[in-house]
Amino acid sequence: MPLRHKSAQKRARQTVKRTERNKKVKSLIKGSLKRVIESKDKASAEVEMKKTVAVLDRAAVKGVIHMNKAANQKSKLAKRVNKMA
């Protein structure tokens, strides 16, 4: 069914752009989390965690993920890094 109204066409274009942007940000988050988890020692994990926290905060502010989800992921990550010896 073709979109007949200009506003509907515009919304469809915006949705495509936003979906692409959100996918990129979410894959960036996943990669960043993976780098922290796969770190061998605590020092490198802490450096990576700092970068990951920044990525999560930026995604939350932009509305890609919810603020609470970002907070939960940061908390879990901090626990995991603190357990490292």
C-alpha atoms as a PDB file:
ATOM      1  CA  MET A   1       0.000   0.000   0.000  1.00  0.00           C
ATOM      2  CA  PRO A   2       1.722   3.221  -1.114  1.00  0.00           C
ATOM      3  CA  LEU A   3       1.924   6.151   1.243  1.00  0.00           C
ATOM      4  CA  ARG A   4      -0.293   8.885  -0.188  1.00  0.00           C
ATOM      5  CA  HIS A   5       0.186  11.740   2.246  1.00  0.00           C
ATOM      6  CA  LYS A   6       3.314  13.865   2.299  1.00  0.00           C
ATOM      7  CA  SER A   7       3.525  13.655   6.067  1.00  0.00           C
ATOM      8  CA  ALA A   8       3.328   9.846   5.975  1.00  0.00           C
ATOM      9  CA  GLN A   9       6.091   9.735   3.359  1.00  0.00           C
ATOM     10  CA  LYS A  10       8.264  11.999   5.465  1.00  0.00           C
ATOM     11  CA  ARG A  11       7.676   9.899   8.588  1.00  0.00           C
ATOM     12  CA  ALA A  12       8.653   6.783   6.642  1.00  0.00           C
ATOM     13  CA  ARG A  13      11.909   8.438   5.545  1.00  0.00           C
ATOM     14  CA  GLN A  14      12.653   9.572   9.096  1.00  0.00           C
ATOM     15  CA  THR A  15      11.991   6.103  10.460  1.00  0.00           C
ATOM     16  CA  VAL A  16      14.508   4.581   8.064  1.00  0.00           C
ATOM     17  CA  LYS A  17      17.183   7.106   9.060  1.00  0.00           C
ATOM     18  CA  ARG A  18      16.533   6.696  12.772  1.00  0.00           C
ATOM     19  CA  THR A  19      16.518   2.911  12.549  1.00  0.00           C
ATOM     20  CA  GLU A  20      19.920   2.946  10.839  1.00  0.00           C
ATOM     21  CA  ARG A  21      21.356   5.327  13.417  1.00  0.00           C
ATOM     22  CA  ASN A  22      19.958   3.294  16.317  1.00  0.00           C
ATOM     23  CA  LYS A  23      21.400   0.055  14.899  1.00  0.00           C
ATOM     24  CA  LYS A  24      24.848   1.641  14.629  1.00  0.00           C
ATOM     25  CA  VAL A  25      24.721   2.934  18.195  1.00  0.00           C
ATOM     26  CA  LYS A  26      23.469  -0.388  19.571  1.00  0.00           C
ATOM     27  CA  SER A  27      26.211  -2.328  17.782  1.00  0.00           C
ATOM     28  CA  LEU A  28      28.737   0.176  19.176  1.00  0.00           C
ATOM     29  CA  ILE A  29      27.387  -0.520  22.666  1.00  0.00           C
ATOM     30  CA  LYS A  30      27.594  -4.297  22.187  1.00  0.00           C
ATOM     31  CA  GLY A  31      31.170  -4.120  20.922  1.00  0.00           C
ATOM     32  CA  SER A  32      32.200  -1.853  23.735  1.00  0.00           C
ATOM     33  CA  LEU A  33      30.662  -4.147  26.369  1.00  0.00           C
ATOM     34  CA  LYS A  34      32.364  -7.131  24.763  1.00  0.00           C
ATOM     35  CA  ARG A  35      35.782  -5.422  24.920  1.00  0.00           C
ATOM     36  CA  VAL A  36      35.387  -4.830  28.657  1.00  0.00           C
ATOM     37  CA  ILE A  37      34.286  -8.397  29.346  1.00  0.00           C
ATOM     38  CA  GLU A  38      37.107  -9.908  27.289  1.00  0.00           C
ATOM     39  CA  SER A  39      39.818  -7.769  28.916  1.00  0.00           C
ATOM     40  CA  LYS A  40      42.548  -9.867  30.481  1.00  0.00           C
ATOM     41  CA  ASP A  41      43.577  -7.666  33.394  1.00  0.00           C
ATOM     42  CA  LYS A  42      41.800  -5.206  35.646  1.00  0.00           C
ATOM     43  CA  ALA A  43      43.707  -2.115  34.461  1.00  0.00           C
ATOM     44  CA  SER A  44      42.762  -2.554  30.806  1.00  0.00           C
ATOM     45  CA  ALA A  45      39.207  -3.428  31.810  1.00  0.00           C
ATOM     46  CA  GLU A  46      38.912  -0.173  33.756  1.00  0.00           C
ATOM     47  CA  VAL A  47      40.155   1.837  30.770  1.00  0.00           C
ATOM     48  CA  GLU A  48      37.658   0.113  28.481  1.00  0.00           C
ATOM     49  CA  MET A  49      34.898   0.524  31.064  1.00  0.00           C
ATOM     50  CA  LYS A  50      35.410   4.284  31.095  1.00  0.00           C
ATOM     51  CA  LYS A  51      34.915   4.358  27.310  1.00  0.00           C
ATOM     52  CA  THR A  52      31.879   2.076  27.561  1.00  0.00           C
ATOM     53  CA  VAL A  53      30.232   4.251  30.206  1.00  0.00           C
ATOM     54  CA  ALA A  54      30.592   7.243  27.888  1.00  0.00           C
ATOM     55  CA  VAL A  55      29.009   5.291  25.011  1.00  0.00           C
ATOM     56  CA  LEU A  56      26.114   4.148  27.213  1.00  0.00           C
ATOM     57  CA  ASP A  57      25.483   7.650  28.540  1.00  0.00           C
ATOM     58  CA  ARG A  58      25.501   9.125  25.042  1.00  0.00           C
ATOM     59  CA  ALA A  59      23.048   6.475  23.817  1.00  0.00           C
ATOM     60  CA  ALA A  60      20.745   7.140  26.778  1.00  0.00           C
ATOM     61  CA  VAL A  61      20.784  10.899  26.237  1.00  0.00           C
ATOM     62  CA  LYS A  62      20.030  10.452  22.531  1.00  0.00           C
ATOM     63  CA  GLY A  63      17.106   8.163  23.378  1.00  0.00           C
ATOM     64  CA  VAL A  64      18.482   5.023  21.755  1.00  0.00           C
ATOM     65  CA  ILE A  65      18.252   3.165  25.062  1.00  0.00           C
ATOM     66  CA  HIS A  66      16.433   4.050  28.274  1.00  0.00           C
ATOM     67  CA  MET A  67      18.341   5.822  31.054  1.00  0.00           C
ATOM     68  CA  ASN A  68      17.596   2.962  33.462  1.00  0.00           C
ATOM     69  CA  LYS A  69      18.942   0.371  31.029  1.00  0.00           C
ATOM     70  CA  ALA A  70      22.170   2.336  30.739  1.00  0.00           C
ATOM     71  CA  ALA A  71      22.404   2.536  34.525  1.00  0.00           C
ATOM     72  CA  ASN A  72      21.767  -1.209  34.900  1.00  0.00           C
ATOM     73  CA  GLN A  73      24.414  -2.090  32.327  1.00  0.00           C
ATOM     74  CA  LYS A  74      26.963   0.233  33.944  1.00  0.00           C
ATOM     75  CA  SER A  75      26.248  -1.318  37.342  1.00  0.00           C
ATOM     76  CA  LYS A  76      26.649  -4.888  36.069  1.00  0.00           C
ATOM     77  CA  LEU A  77      29.843  -3.921  34.290  1.00  0.00           C
ATOM     78  CA  ALA A  78      31.280  -2.279  37.406  1.00  0.00           C
ATOM     79  CA  LYS A  79      30.550  -5.404  39.466  1.00  0.00           C
ATOM     80  CA  ARG A  80      32.246  -7.561  36.870  1.00  0.00           C
ATOM     81  CA  VAL A  81      35.342  -5.342  36.678  1.00  0.00           C
ATOM     82  CA  ASN A  82      35.616  -5.123  40.470  1.00  0.00           C
ATOM     83  CA  LYS A  83      35.591  -8.941  40.698  1.00  0.00           C
ATOM     84  CA  MET A  84      38.678  -9.152  38.461  1.00  0.00           C
ATOM     85  CA  ALA A  85      41.945  -9.793  40.263  1.00  0.00           C
END
